[in-house]
Amino acid sequence: MLSSSSSTPAQASNQQPPRALTFYMFDRAGTCLHYADFGRTRGVSEGAGTPKDEARLVFGLLFSLRTLTAALDPTA
């Protein structure tokens, strides 16, 4: 038997999902120069360890993306 939801699709579309925006600024060596978060509900220690660990992981992600895009670049 199917149960009906109490909210209609129109009501569900009006609700905004929670957003957590973070801003990192790194130098070329990978040192985090600036960090700011907006609307974050959980602290860093609850998720990824220390803020230093999280910054290191974000820089690694960006470095990997840069390497991948350089490898896919047809002009290089």
Protein backbone atom coordinates (compact mmCIF):
# COMPACT_ATOMS: atom_id res chain seq x y z
CA MET A 1 0.00 0.00 0.00
CA LEU A 2 1.38 3.42 -0.93
CA SER A 3 1.53 6.11 1.69
CA SER A 4 0.96 9.70 0.70
CA SER A 5 3.37 12.43 1.66
CA SER A 6 2.12 15.37 3.68
CA SER A 7 3.86 17.90 1.41
CA THR A 8 2.98 18.45 -2.21
CA PRO A 9 5.68 18.83 -4.88
CA ALA A 10 4.98 22.56 -5.03
CA GLN A 11 5.64 22.91 -1.30
CA ALA A 12 8.79 20.81 -1.51
CA SER A 13 10.23 23.00 -4.29
CA ASN A 14 9.83 26.14 -2.16
CA GLN A 15 12.12 24.77 0.55
CA GLN A 16 15.78 25.71 0.17
CA PRO A 17 18.33 23.00 0.96
CA PRO A 18 20.81 23.92 3.69
CA ARG A 19 24.02 25.33 2.24
CA ALA A 20 27.49 25.24 3.66
CA LEU A 21 29.90 27.41 1.74
CA THR A 22 33.61 27.42 2.46
CA PHE A 23 36.33 29.57 0.95
CA TYR A 24 39.98 28.58 0.85
CA MET A 25 42.91 30.60 -0.49
CA PHE A 26 46.17 28.75 -1.11
CA ASP A 27 49.60 29.80 -2.32
CA ARG A 28 51.50 27.78 -4.92
CA ALA A 29 53.20 25.67 -2.25
CA GLY A 30 49.86 24.54 -0.82
CA THR A 31 49.88 26.67 2.31
CA CYS A 32 46.41 27.81 3.32
CA LEU A 33 46.50 31.61 3.39
CA HIS A 34 42.85 32.26 4.24
CA TYR A 35 39.83 30.23 5.29
CA ALA A 36 36.23 31.35 5.77
CA ASP A 37 33.02 29.38 6.19
CA PHE A 38 29.44 30.53 5.80
CA GLY A 39 26.47 28.59 7.12
CA ARG A 40 28.38 25.54 8.27
CA THR A 41 26.37 23.53 10.76
CA ARG A 42 29.05 21.05 11.84
CA GLY A 43 32.51 21.89 13.02
CA VAL A 44 35.60 20.64 11.24
CA SER A 45 36.57 18.38 14.13
CA GLU A 46 33.31 16.43 13.75
CA GLY A 47 33.93 15.70 10.07
CA ALA A 48 37.47 15.67 8.73
CA GLY A 49 39.79 15.87 11.72
CA THR A 50 41.52 19.19 12.24
CA PRO A 51 41.14 22.34 10.14
CA LYS A 52 44.72 21.80 8.93
CA ASP A 53 43.81 18.29 7.71
CA GLU A 54 40.75 19.61 5.89
CA ALA A 55 42.76 22.36 4.17
CA ARG A 56 45.34 19.78 3.09
CA LEU A 57 42.61 17.55 1.63
CA VAL A 58 41.01 20.44 -0.26
CA PHE A 59 44.37 21.48 -1.72
CA GLY A 60 45.01 17.89 -2.78
CA LEU A 61 41.65 17.80 -4.54
CA LEU A 62 42.36 21.05 -6.38
CA PHE A 63 45.87 19.91 -7.32
CA SER A 64 44.48 16.63 -8.70
CA LEU A 65 41.83 18.47 -10.72
CA ARG A 66 44.47 20.80 -12.15
CA THR A 67 46.62 17.83 -13.15
CA LEU A 68 43.63 16.06 -14.72
CA THR A 69 42.57 19.08 -16.75
CA ALA A 70 46.15 19.64 -17.93
CA ALA A 71 46.27 16.02 -19.12
CA LEU A 72 42.97 16.40 -20.99
CA ASP A 73 43.90 19.72 -22.60
CA PRO A 74 44.14 19.18 -26.39
CA THR A 75 46.35 22.27 -26.92
CA ALA A 76 49.20 21.10 -24.66
